[in-house]
Full PDB file with SEQRES, HELIX, SHEET, SSBOND, CRYST1, ORIGX, SCALE, CONECT and MASTER records, all heavy atoms in Angstrom:
SEQRES   1 A   39  ILE LEU GLU ASP VAL GLY LEU SER THR ARG GLU ALA SER          
SEQRES   2 A   39  GLY ARG ASP GLU CYS MET LEU HIS VAL ASN THR SER PRO          
SEQRES   3 A   39  PRO ALA LEU VAL ILE LEU ASP LEU TRP LEU ALA GLY GLU          
HELIX    1 AA1 GLU A    3  VAL A    5  5                                   3    
HELIX    2 AA2 ARG A   15  THR A   24  1                                  10    
CRYST1    1.000    1.000    1.000  90.00  90.00  90.00 P 1           1          
ORIGX1      1.000000  0.000000  0.000000        0.00000                         
ORIGX2      0.000000  1.000000  0.000000        0.00000                         
ORIGX3      0.000000  0.000000  1.000000        0.00000                         
SCALE1      1.000000  0.000000  0.000000        0.00000                         
SCALE2      0.000000  1.000000  0.000000        0.00000                         
SCALE3      0.000000  0.000000  1.000000        0.00000                         
ATOM      1  N   ILE A   1       0.805  -1.192  -0.026  1.00  0.00           N  
ATOM      2  CA  ILE A   1      -0.040  -0.004  -0.021  1.00  0.00           C  
ATOM      3  C   ILE A   1       0.922   1.170   0.030  1.00  0.00           C  
ATOM      4  O   ILE A   1       0.615   2.280  -0.769  1.00  0.00           O  
ATOM      5  CB  ILE A   1      -0.948   0.045   1.246  1.00  0.00           C  
ATOM      6  CG1 ILE A   1      -1.970  -1.162   1.072  1.00  0.00           C  
ATOM      7  CG2 ILE A   1      -1.598   1.306   1.387  1.00  0.00           C  
ATOM      8  CD1 ILE A   1      -2.848  -1.291   2.325  1.00  0.00           C  
ATOM      9  N   LEU A   2       1.906   1.240   0.823  1.00  0.00           N  
ATOM     10  CA  LEU A   2       2.782   2.370   0.927  1.00  0.00           C  
ATOM     11  C   LEU A   2       3.656   2.665  -0.311  1.00  0.00           C  
ATOM     12  O   LEU A   2       3.835   3.741  -0.767  1.00  0.00           O  
ATOM     13  CB  LEU A   2       3.639   2.295   2.212  1.00  0.00           C  
ATOM     14  CG  LEU A   2       2.895   2.262   3.492  1.00  0.00           C  
ATOM     15  CD1 LEU A   2       3.962   2.310   4.617  1.00  0.00           C  
ATOM     16  CD2 LEU A   2       1.930   3.380   3.653  1.00  0.00           C  
ATOM     17  N   GLU A   3       4.188   1.555  -0.881  1.00  0.00           N  
ATOM     18  CA  GLU A   3       4.931   1.644  -2.103  1.00  0.00           C  
ATOM     19  C   GLU A   3       4.104   2.038  -3.288  1.00  0.00           C  
ATOM     20  O   GLU A   3       4.769   2.623  -4.228  1.00  0.00           O  
ATOM     21  CB  GLU A   3       5.628   0.235  -2.281  1.00  0.00           C  
ATOM     22  CG  GLU A   3       6.727  -0.045  -1.332  1.00  0.00           C  
ATOM     23  CD  GLU A   3       7.359  -1.408  -1.344  1.00  0.00           C  
ATOM     24  OE1 GLU A   3       6.869  -2.211  -2.315  1.00  0.00           O  
ATOM     25  OE2 GLU A   3       8.188  -1.826  -0.595  1.00  0.00           O  
ATOM     26  N   ASP A   4       2.868   1.750  -3.337  1.00  0.00           N  
ATOM     27  CA  ASP A   4       1.987   2.301  -4.430  1.00  0.00           C  
ATOM     28  C   ASP A   4       1.889   3.757  -4.464  1.00  0.00           C  
ATOM     29  O   ASP A   4       1.618   4.325  -5.590  1.00  0.00           O  
ATOM     30  CB  ASP A   4       0.601   1.713  -4.220  1.00  0.00           C  
ATOM     31  CG  ASP A   4       0.458   0.249  -4.706  1.00  0.00           C  
ATOM     32  OD1 ASP A   4       1.402  -0.170  -5.409  1.00  0.00           O  
ATOM     33  OD2 ASP A   4      -0.525  -0.410  -4.409  1.00  0.00           O  
ATOM     34  N   VAL A   5       2.157   4.457  -3.454  1.00  0.00           N  
ATOM     35  CA  VAL A   5       2.176   5.908  -3.435  1.00  0.00           C  
ATOM     36  C   VAL A   5       3.619   6.594  -3.374  1.00  0.00           C  
ATOM     37  O   VAL A   5       3.756   7.652  -3.090  1.00  0.00           O  
ATOM     38  CB  VAL A   5       1.262   6.521  -2.265  1.00  0.00           C  
ATOM     39  CG1 VAL A   5      -0.147   6.036  -2.412  1.00  0.00           C  
ATOM     40  CG2 VAL A   5       1.871   6.055  -0.897  1.00  0.00           C  
ATOM     41  N   GLY A   6       4.583   5.741  -3.663  1.00  0.00           N  
ATOM     42  CA  GLY A   6       5.879   6.161  -3.792  1.00  0.00           C  
ATOM     43  C   GLY A   6       6.746   6.202  -2.583  1.00  0.00           C  
ATOM     44  O   GLY A   6       7.862   6.688  -2.618  1.00  0.00           O  
ATOM     45  N   LEU A   7       6.299   5.605  -1.523  1.00  0.00           N  
ATOM     46  CA  LEU A   7       7.117   5.490  -0.234  1.00  0.00           C  
ATOM     47  C   LEU A   7       8.045   4.325  -0.308  1.00  0.00           C  
ATOM     48  O   LEU A   7       7.729   3.335  -0.961  1.00  0.00           O  
ATOM     49  CB  LEU A   7       6.239   5.373   0.942  1.00  0.00           C  
ATOM     50  CG  LEU A   7       5.246   6.568   1.180  1.00  0.00           C  
ATOM     51  CD1 LEU A   7       4.409   6.284   2.468  1.00  0.00           C  
ATOM     52  CD2 LEU A   7       5.993   7.883   1.338  1.00  0.00           C  
ATOM     53  N   SER A   8       9.156   4.380   0.263  1.00  0.00           N  
ATOM     54  CA  SER A   8       9.996   3.172   0.413  1.00  0.00           C  
ATOM     55  C   SER A   8       9.850   2.550   1.715  1.00  0.00           C  
ATOM     56  O   SER A   8       9.546   3.233   2.802  1.00  0.00           O  
ATOM     57  CB  SER A   8      11.469   3.658   0.246  1.00  0.00           C  
ATOM     58  OG  SER A   8      11.887   4.604   1.231  1.00  0.00           O  
ATOM     59  N   THR A   9       9.945   1.257   1.815  1.00  0.00           N  
ATOM     60  CA  THR A   9       9.724   0.558   3.007  1.00  0.00           C  
ATOM     61  C   THR A   9      10.866  -0.453   3.408  1.00  0.00           C  
ATOM     62  O   THR A   9      11.603  -0.911   2.527  1.00  0.00           O  
ATOM     63  CB  THR A   9       8.410  -0.197   2.976  1.00  0.00           C  
ATOM     64  OG1 THR A   9       8.546  -1.261   1.978  1.00  0.00           O  
ATOM     65  CG2 THR A   9       7.226   0.716   2.648  1.00  0.00           C  
ATOM     66  N   ARG A  10      11.014  -0.651   4.777  1.00  0.00           N  
ATOM     67  CA  ARG A  10      11.859  -1.750   5.241  1.00  0.00           C  
ATOM     68  C   ARG A  10      10.959  -2.575   6.283  1.00  0.00           C  
ATOM     69  O   ARG A  10       9.950  -2.056   6.723  1.00  0.00           O  
ATOM     70  CB  ARG A  10      13.044  -1.103   5.950  1.00  0.00           C  
ATOM     71  CG  ARG A  10      14.058  -0.489   5.032  1.00  0.00           C  
ATOM     72  CD  ARG A  10      15.224  -0.030   5.854  1.00  0.00           C  
ATOM     73  NE  ARG A  10      14.961   1.408   6.231  1.00  0.00           N  
ATOM     74  CZ  ARG A  10      15.733   2.003   7.148  1.00  0.00           C  
ATOM     75  NH1 ARG A  10      16.708   1.283   7.858  1.00  0.00           N  
ATOM     76  NH2 ARG A  10      15.416   3.240   7.538  1.00  0.00           N  
ATOM     77  N   GLU A  11      11.302  -3.823   6.507  1.00  0.00           N  
ATOM     78  CA  GLU A  11      10.505  -4.679   7.290  1.00  0.00           C  
ATOM     79  C   GLU A  11      11.397  -5.250   8.422  1.00  0.00           C  
ATOM     80  O   GLU A  11      12.645  -5.524   8.251  1.00  0.00           O  
ATOM     81  CB  GLU A  11       9.927  -5.781   6.510  1.00  0.00           C  
ATOM     82  CG  GLU A  11       8.958  -5.280   5.428  1.00  0.00           C  
ATOM     83  CD  GLU A  11       8.384  -6.411   4.568  1.00  0.00           C  
ATOM     84  OE1 GLU A  11       8.330  -7.559   5.194  1.00  0.00           O  
ATOM     85  OE2 GLU A  11       8.002  -6.183   3.485  1.00  0.00           O  
ATOM     86  N   ALA A  12      10.800  -5.530   9.574  1.00  0.00           N  
ATOM     87  CA  ALA A  12      11.417  -6.188  10.688  1.00  0.00           C  
ATOM     88  C   ALA A  12      10.344  -6.990  11.496  1.00  0.00           C  
ATOM     89  O   ALA A  12       9.157  -6.573  11.562  1.00  0.00           O  
ATOM     90  CB  ALA A  12      12.037  -5.110  11.750  1.00  0.00           C  
ATOM     91  N   SER A  13      10.784  -8.175  11.945  1.00  0.00           N  
ATOM     92  CA  SER A  13       9.822  -9.089  12.534  1.00  0.00           C  
ATOM     93  C   SER A  13       9.886  -8.944  14.104  1.00  0.00           C  
ATOM     94  O   SER A  13       8.965  -9.463  14.814  1.00  0.00           O  
ATOM     95  CB  SER A  13      10.121 -10.441  12.221  1.00  0.00           C  
ATOM     96  OG  SER A  13      11.411 -10.858  12.658  1.00  0.00           O  
ATOM     97  N   GLY A  14      10.861  -8.281  14.691  1.00  0.00           N  
ATOM     98  CA  GLY A  14      10.985  -8.160  16.115  1.00  0.00           C  
ATOM     99  C   GLY A  14      11.963  -7.027  16.533  1.00  0.00           C  
ATOM    100  O   GLY A  14      12.404  -6.301  15.753  1.00  0.00           O  
ATOM    101  N   ARG A  15      12.315  -7.039  17.869  1.00  0.00           N  
ATOM    102  CA  ARG A  15      13.074  -5.910  18.375  1.00  0.00           C  
ATOM    103  C   ARG A  15      14.447  -5.780  17.817  1.00  0.00           C  
ATOM    104  O   ARG A  15      14.910  -4.783  17.433  1.00  0.00           O  
ATOM    105  CB  ARG A  15      13.147  -6.147  19.937  1.00  0.00           C  
ATOM    106  CG  ARG A  15      14.066  -5.039  20.498  1.00  0.00           C  
ATOM    107  CD  ARG A  15      14.556  -5.368  21.906  1.00  0.00           C  
ATOM    108  NE  ARG A  15      15.567  -4.389  22.316  1.00  0.00           N  
ATOM    109  CZ  ARG A  15      16.824  -4.303  21.859  1.00  0.00           C  
ATOM    110  NH1 ARG A  15      17.268  -5.260  21.107  1.00  0.00           N  
ATOM    111  NH2 ARG A  15      17.632  -3.383  22.337  1.00  0.00           N  
ATOM    112  N   ASP A  16      15.158  -6.997  17.705  1.00  0.00           N  
ATOM    113  CA  ASP A  16      16.506  -6.903  17.237  1.00  0.00           C  
ATOM    114  C   ASP A  16      16.673  -6.397  15.819  1.00  0.00           C  
ATOM    115  O   ASP A  16      17.550  -5.594  15.528  1.00  0.00           O  
ATOM    116  CB  ASP A  16      17.191  -8.372  17.305  1.00  0.00           C  
ATOM    117  CG  ASP A  16      17.384  -8.774  18.772  1.00  0.00           C  
ATOM    118  OD1 ASP A  16      17.353  -7.956  19.692  1.00  0.00           O  
ATOM    119  OD2 ASP A  16      17.598 -10.023  18.997  1.00  0.00           O  
ATOM    120  N   GLU A  17      15.810  -6.920  14.981  1.00  0.00           N  
ATOM    121  CA  GLU A  17      15.797  -6.371  13.634  1.00  0.00           C  
ATOM    122  C   GLU A  17      15.458  -4.936  13.529  1.00  0.00           C  
ATOM    123  O   GLU A  17      15.999  -4.129  12.775  1.00  0.00           O  
ATOM    124  CB  GLU A  17      14.826  -7.194  12.696  1.00  0.00           C  
ATOM    125  CG  GLU A  17      15.325  -8.591  12.332  1.00  0.00           C  
ATOM    126  CD  GLU A  17      14.379  -9.257  11.400  1.00  0.00           C  
ATOM    127  OE1 GLU A  17      13.881  -8.619  10.450  1.00  0.00           O  
ATOM    128  OE2 GLU A  17      14.082 -10.458  11.603  1.00  0.00           O  
ATOM    129  N   CYS A  18      14.437  -4.559  14.317  1.00  0.00           N  
ATOM    130  CA  CYS A  18      14.021  -3.127  14.344  1.00  0.00           C  
ATOM    131  C   CYS A  18      15.106  -2.206  14.795  1.00  0.00           C  
ATOM    132  O   CYS A  18      15.406  -1.219  14.083  1.00  0.00           O  
ATOM    133  CB  CYS A  18      12.764  -3.021  15.346  1.00  0.00           C  
ATOM    134  SG  CYS A  18      12.296  -1.269  15.632  1.00  0.00           S  
ATOM    135  N   MET A  19      15.810  -2.607  15.833  1.00  0.00           N  
ATOM    136  CA  MET A  19      16.902  -1.651  16.335  1.00  0.00           C  
ATOM    137  C   MET A  19      18.111  -1.677  15.434  1.00  0.00           C  
ATOM    138  O   MET A  19      18.769  -0.649  15.245  1.00  0.00           O  
ATOM    139  CB  MET A  19      17.355  -2.138  17.788  1.00  0.00           C  
ATOM    140  CG  MET A  19      16.241  -1.786  18.791  1.00  0.00           C  
ATOM    141  SD  MET A  19      15.710  -0.175  18.759  1.00  0.00           S  
ATOM    142  CE  MET A  19      14.144  -0.208  19.556  1.00  0.00           C  
ATOM    143  N   LEU A  20      18.278  -2.826  14.793  1.00  0.00           N  
ATOM    144  CA  LEU A  20      19.364  -2.767  13.703  1.00  0.00           C  
ATOM    145  C   LEU A  20      19.126  -1.713  12.594  1.00  0.00           C  
ATOM    146  O   LEU A  20      20.042  -0.965  12.211  1.00  0.00           O  
ATOM    147  CB  LEU A  20      19.605  -4.221  13.156  1.00  0.00           C  
ATOM    148  CG  LEU A  20      20.670  -4.383  12.110  1.00  0.00           C  
ATOM    149  CD1 LEU A  20      22.032  -4.040  12.681  1.00  0.00           C  
ATOM    150  CD2 LEU A  20      20.641  -5.723  11.494  1.00  0.00           C  
ATOM    151  N   HIS A  21      17.893  -1.772  12.140  1.00  0.00           N  
ATOM    152  CA  HIS A  21      17.553  -0.795  11.064  1.00  0.00           C  
ATOM    153  C   HIS A  21      17.715   0.631  11.633  1.00  0.00           C  
ATOM    154  O   HIS A  21      18.177   1.497  10.938  1.00  0.00           O  
ATOM    155  CB  HIS A  21      16.066  -0.996  10.670  1.00  0.00           C  
ATOM    156  CG  HIS A  21      15.965  -2.155   9.630  1.00  0.00           C  
ATOM    157  ND1 HIS A  21      16.381  -2.126   8.383  1.00  0.00           N  
ATOM    158  CD2 HIS A  21      15.400  -3.334   9.857  1.00  0.00           C  
ATOM    159  CE1 HIS A  21      16.153  -3.241   7.709  1.00  0.00           C  
ATOM    160  NE2 HIS A  21      15.524  -4.038   8.570  1.00  0.00           N  
ATOM    161  N   VAL A  22      17.134   0.891  12.852  1.00  0.00           N  
ATOM    162  CA  VAL A  22      17.121   2.222  13.331  1.00  0.00           C  
ATOM    163  C   VAL A  22      18.472   2.745  13.644  1.00  0.00           C  
ATOM    164  O   VAL A  22      18.844   3.894  13.375  1.00  0.00           O  
ATOM    165  CB  VAL A  22      16.275   2.301  14.578  1.00  0.00           C  
ATOM    166  CG1 VAL A  22      16.433   3.677  15.412  1.00  0.00           C  
ATOM    167  CG2 VAL A  22      14.749   2.056  14.347  1.00  0.00           C  
ATOM    168  N   ASN A  23      19.349   1.914  14.158  1.00  0.00           N  
ATOM    169  CA  ASN A  23      20.739   2.362  14.528  1.00  0.00           C  
ATOM    170  C   ASN A  23      21.534   2.522  13.303  1.00  0.00           C  
ATOM    171  O   ASN A  23      22.498   3.352  13.262  1.00  0.00           O  
ATOM    172  CB  ASN A  23      21.358   1.317  15.488  1.00  0.00           C  
ATOM    173  CG  ASN A  23      20.676   1.273  16.858  1.00  0.00           C  
ATOM    174  OD1 ASN A  23      20.193   2.331  17.280  1.00  0.00           O  
ATOM    175  ND2 ASN A  23      20.756   0.223  17.549  1.00  0.00           N  
ATOM    176  N   THR A  24      21.278   1.728  12.244  1.00  0.00           N  
ATOM    177  CA  THR A  24      22.090   1.785  10.990  1.00  0.00           C  
ATOM    178  C   THR A  24      21.709   3.040  10.162  1.00  0.00           C  
ATOM    179  O   THR A  24      22.558   3.794   9.697  1.00  0.00           O  
ATOM    180  CB  THR A  24      21.921   0.539  10.139  1.00  0.00           C  
ATOM    181  OG1 THR A  24      22.217  -0.616  10.928  1.00  0.00           O  
ATOM    182  CG2 THR A  24      22.768   0.597   8.836  1.00  0.00           C  
ATOM    183  N   SER A  25      20.445   3.153   9.972  1.00  0.00           N  
ATOM    184  CA  SER A  25      19.899   4.302   9.129  1.00  0.00           C  
ATOM    185  C   SER A  25      18.521   4.675   9.607  1.00  0.00           C  
ATOM    186  O   SER A  25      17.511   3.951   9.224  1.00  0.00           O  
ATOM    187  CB  SER A  25      19.923   3.903   7.610  1.00  0.00           C  
ATOM    188  OG  SER A  25      19.383   4.980   6.864  1.00  0.00           O  
ATOM    189  N   PRO A  26      18.327   5.541  10.478  1.00  0.00           N  
ATOM    190  CA  PRO A  26      17.028   5.903  11.134  1.00  0.00           C  
ATOM    191  C   PRO A  26      16.017   6.192  10.055  1.00  0.00           C  
ATOM    192  O   PRO A  26      16.230   6.962   9.110  1.00  0.00           O  
ATOM    193  CB  PRO A  26      17.267   7.161  11.976  1.00  0.00           C  
ATOM    194  CG  PRO A  26      18.758   7.113  12.263  1.00  0.00           C  
ATOM    195  CD  PRO A  26      19.391   6.502  11.014  1.00  0.00           C  
ATOM    196  N   PRO A  27      14.721   5.446  10.147  1.00  0.00           N  
ATOM    197  CA  PRO A  27      13.745   5.818   9.173  1.00  0.00           C  
ATOM    198  C   PRO A  27      13.055   7.082   9.496  1.00  0.00           C  
ATOM    199  O   PRO A  27      13.265   7.589  10.584  1.00  0.00           O  
ATOM    200  CB  PRO A  27      12.815   4.613   9.330  1.00  0.00           C  
ATOM    201  CG  PRO A  27      13.007   4.158  10.803  1.00  0.00           C  
ATOM    202  CD  PRO A  27      14.451   4.505  11.126  1.00  0.00           C  
ATOM    203  N   ALA A  28      12.194   7.533   8.573  1.00  0.00           N  
ATOM    204  CA  ALA A  28      11.298   8.679   8.830  1.00  0.00           C  
ATOM    205  C   ALA A  28      10.169   8.406   9.713  1.00  0.00           C  
ATOM    206  O   ALA A  28       9.589   9.227  10.383  1.00  0.00           O  
ATOM    207  CB  ALA A  28      10.903   9.327   7.480  1.00  0.00           C  
ATOM    208  N   LEU A  29       9.734   7.110   9.758  1.00  0.00           N  
ATOM    209  CA  LEU A  29       8.524   6.681  10.438  1.00  0.00           C  
ATOM    210  C   LEU A  29       8.710   5.175  10.756  1.00  0.00           C  
ATOM    211  O   LEU A  29       9.130   4.379   9.961  1.00  0.00           O  
ATOM    212  CB  LEU A  29       7.292   6.879   9.614  1.00  0.00           C  
ATOM    213  CG  LEU A  29       6.005   6.325  10.026  1.00  0.00           C  
ATOM    214  CD1 LEU A  29       5.518   6.963  11.359  1.00  0.00           C  
ATOM    215  CD2 LEU A  29       4.924   6.501   8.996  1.00  0.00           C  
ATOM    216  N   VAL A  30       8.162   4.741  11.941  1.00  0.00           N  
ATOM    217  CA  VAL A  30       8.045   3.372  12.276  1.00  0.00           C  
ATOM    218  C   VAL A  30       6.544   2.994  12.494  1.00  0.00           C  
ATOM    219  O   VAL A  30       5.850   3.686  13.225  1.00  0.00           O  
ATOM    220  CB  VAL A  30       8.840   3.040  13.559  1.00  0.00           C  
ATOM    221  CG1 VAL A  30       8.588   1.586  13.997  1.00  0.00           C  
ATOM    222  CG2 VAL A  30      10.291   3.344  13.398  1.00  0.00           C  
ATOM    223  N   ILE A  31       6.113   2.040  11.775  1.00  0.00           N  
ATOM    224  CA  ILE A  31       4.770   1.449  11.918  1.00  0.00           C  
ATOM    225  C   ILE A  31       5.003   0.179  12.825  1.00  0.00           C  
ATOM    226  O   ILE A  31       5.649  -0.784  12.323  1.00  0.00           O  
ATOM    227  CB  ILE A  31       4.012   1.189  10.678  1.00  0.00           C  
ATOM    228  CG1 ILE A  31       3.809   2.460   9.937  1.00  0.00           C  
ATOM    229  CG2 ILE A  31       2.744   0.357  10.868  1.00  0.00           C  
ATOM    230  CD1 ILE A  31       3.027   2.297   8.636  1.00  0.00           C  
ATOM    231  N   LEU A  32       4.387   0.112  13.997  1.00  0.00           N  
ATOM    232  CA  LEU A  32       4.768  -0.945  15.013  1.00  0.00           C  
ATOM    233  C   LEU A  32       3.518  -1.716  15.518  1.00  0.00           C  
ATOM    234  O   LEU A  32       2.644  -1.066  16.073  1.00  0.00           O  
ATOM    235  CB  LEU A  32       5.537  -0.211  16.154  1.00  0.00           C  
ATOM    236  CG  LEU A  32       5.812  -1.136  17.391  1.00  0.00           C  
ATOM    237  CD1 LEU A  32       6.763  -2.274  17.056  1.00  0.00           C  
ATOM    238  CD2 LEU A  32       6.376  -0.282  18.526  1.00  0.00           C  
ATOM    239  N   ASP A  33       3.666  -2.981  15.400  1.00  0.00           N  
ATOM    240  CA  ASP A  33       2.515  -3.837  16.083  1.00  0.00           C  
ATOM    241  C   ASP A  33       2.892  -3.986  17.514  1.00  0.00           C  
ATOM    242  O   ASP A  33       3.928  -4.399  17.891  1.00  0.00           O  
ATOM    243  CB  ASP A  33       2.461  -5.223  15.434  1.00  0.00           C  
ATOM    244  CG  ASP A  33       1.305  -6.018  15.879  1.00  0.00           C  
ATOM    245  OD1 ASP A  33       0.535  -5.599  16.721  1.00  0.00           O  
ATOM    246  OD2 ASP A  33       1.206  -7.180  15.413  1.00  0.00           O  
ATOM    247  N   LEU A  34       1.868  -3.607  18.482  1.00  0.00           N  
ATOM    248  CA  LEU A  34       2.187  -3.840  19.843  1.00  0.00           C  
ATOM    249  C   LEU A  34       2.336  -5.296  20.240  1.00  0.00           C  
ATOM    250  O   LEU A  34       2.988  -5.572  21.209  1.00  0.00           O  
ATOM    251  CB  LEU A  34       1.060  -3.076  20.599  1.00  0.00           C  
ATOM    252  CG  LEU A  34       1.242  -1.581  20.864  1.00  0.00           C  
ATOM    253  CD1 LEU A  34       0.114  -1.139  21.750  1.00  0.00           C  
ATOM    254  CD2 LEU A  34       2.530  -1.230  21.456  1.00  0.00           C  
ATOM    255  N   TRP A  35       1.601  -6.170  19.618  1.00  0.00           N  
ATOM    256  CA  TRP A  35       1.461  -7.528  20.047  1.00  0.00           C  
ATOM    257  C   TRP A  35       2.341  -8.399  19.133  1.00  0.00           C  
ATOM    258  O   TRP A  35       1.920  -8.806  18.031  1.00  0.00           O  
ATOM    259  CB  TRP A  35       0.060  -8.025  20.086  1.00  0.00           C  
ATOM    260  CG  TRP A  35      -0.813  -7.229  21.032  1.00  0.00           C  
ATOM    261  CD1 TRP A  35      -1.488  -6.110  20.778  1.00  0.00           C  
ATOM    262  CD2 TRP A  35      -0.836  -7.452  22.418  1.00  0.00           C  
ATOM    263  NE1 TRP A  35      -2.105  -5.664  21.840  1.00  0.00           N  
ATOM    264  CE2 TRP A  35      -1.718  -6.415  22.900  1.00  0.00           C  
ATOM    265  CE3 TRP A  35      -0.254  -8.301  23.334  1.00  0.00           C  
ATOM    266  CZ2 TRP A  35      -2.029  -6.278  24.276  1.00  0.00           C  
ATOM    267  CZ3 TRP A  35      -0.597  -8.148  24.711  1.00  0.00           C  
ATOM    268  CH2 TRP A  35      -1.468  -7.142  25.124  1.00  0.00           C  
ATOM    269  N   LEU A  36       3.567  -8.592  19.511  1.00  0.00           N  
ATOM    270  CA  LEU A  36       4.484  -9.470  18.724  1.00  0.00           C  
ATOM    271  C   LEU A  36       4.566 -10.849  19.269  1.00  0.00           C  
ATOM    272  O   LEU A  36       4.547 -11.069  20.598  1.00  0.00           O  
ATOM    273  CB  LEU A  36       5.883  -8.765  18.664  1.00  0.00           C  
ATOM    274  CG  LEU A  36       5.959  -7.406  18.036  1.00  0.00           C  
ATOM    275  CD1 LEU A  36       7.292  -6.838  18.215  1.00  0.00           C  
ATOM    276  CD2 LEU A  36       5.457  -7.428  16.590  1.00  0.00           C  
ATOM    277  N   ALA A  37       4.734 -11.820  18.479  1.00  0.00           N  
ATOM    278  CA  ALA A  37       4.867 -13.232  19.000  1.00  0.00           C  
ATOM    279  C   ALA A  37       6.172 -13.467  19.773  1.00  0.00           C  
ATOM    280  O   ALA A  37       7.221 -12.795  19.434  1.00  0.00           O  
ATOM    281  CB  ALA A  37       4.769 -14.290  17.720  1.00  0.00           C  
ATOM    282  N   GLY A  38       6.208 -14.260  20.727  1.00  0.00           N  
ATOM    283  CA  GLY A  38       7.371 -14.572  21.466  1.00  0.00           C  
ATOM    284  C   GLY A  38       7.028 -14.573  23.003  1.00  0.00           C  
ATOM    285  O   GLY A  38       5.797 -14.514  23.368  1.00  0.00           O  
ATOM    286  N   GLU A  39       8.062 -14.832  23.764  1.00  0.00           N  
ATOM    287  CA  GLU A  39       7.837 -14.992  25.193  1.00  0.00           C  
ATOM    288  C   GLU A  39       7.388 -13.707  25.787  1.00  0.00           C  
ATOM    289  O   GLU A  39       6.525 -13.711  26.730  1.00  0.00           O  
ATOM    290  CB  GLU A  39       9.171 -15.391  25.832  1.00  0.00           C  
ATOM    291  CG  GLU A  39       9.585 -16.847  25.433  1.00  0.00           C  
ATOM    292  CD  GLU A  39      10.897 -17.223  26.178  1.00  0.00           C  
ATOM    293  OE1 GLU A  39      11.421 -16.457  26.962  1.00  0.00           O  
ATOM    294  OE2 GLU A  39      11.437 -18.347  25.829  1.00  0.00           O  
TER     295      GLU A  39                                                      
MASTER        0    0    0    2    0    0    0    6  294    1    0    3          
END                                                                             
């Protein structure tokens, strides 16, 4: 949906991937699911 309007996206499945993206190259926006699978 976002790429259809010209936005670029990245994906992460959990905290470690999310923080790797943020610390490497901070995005303009994070869309975050509060309920993630795991312990």
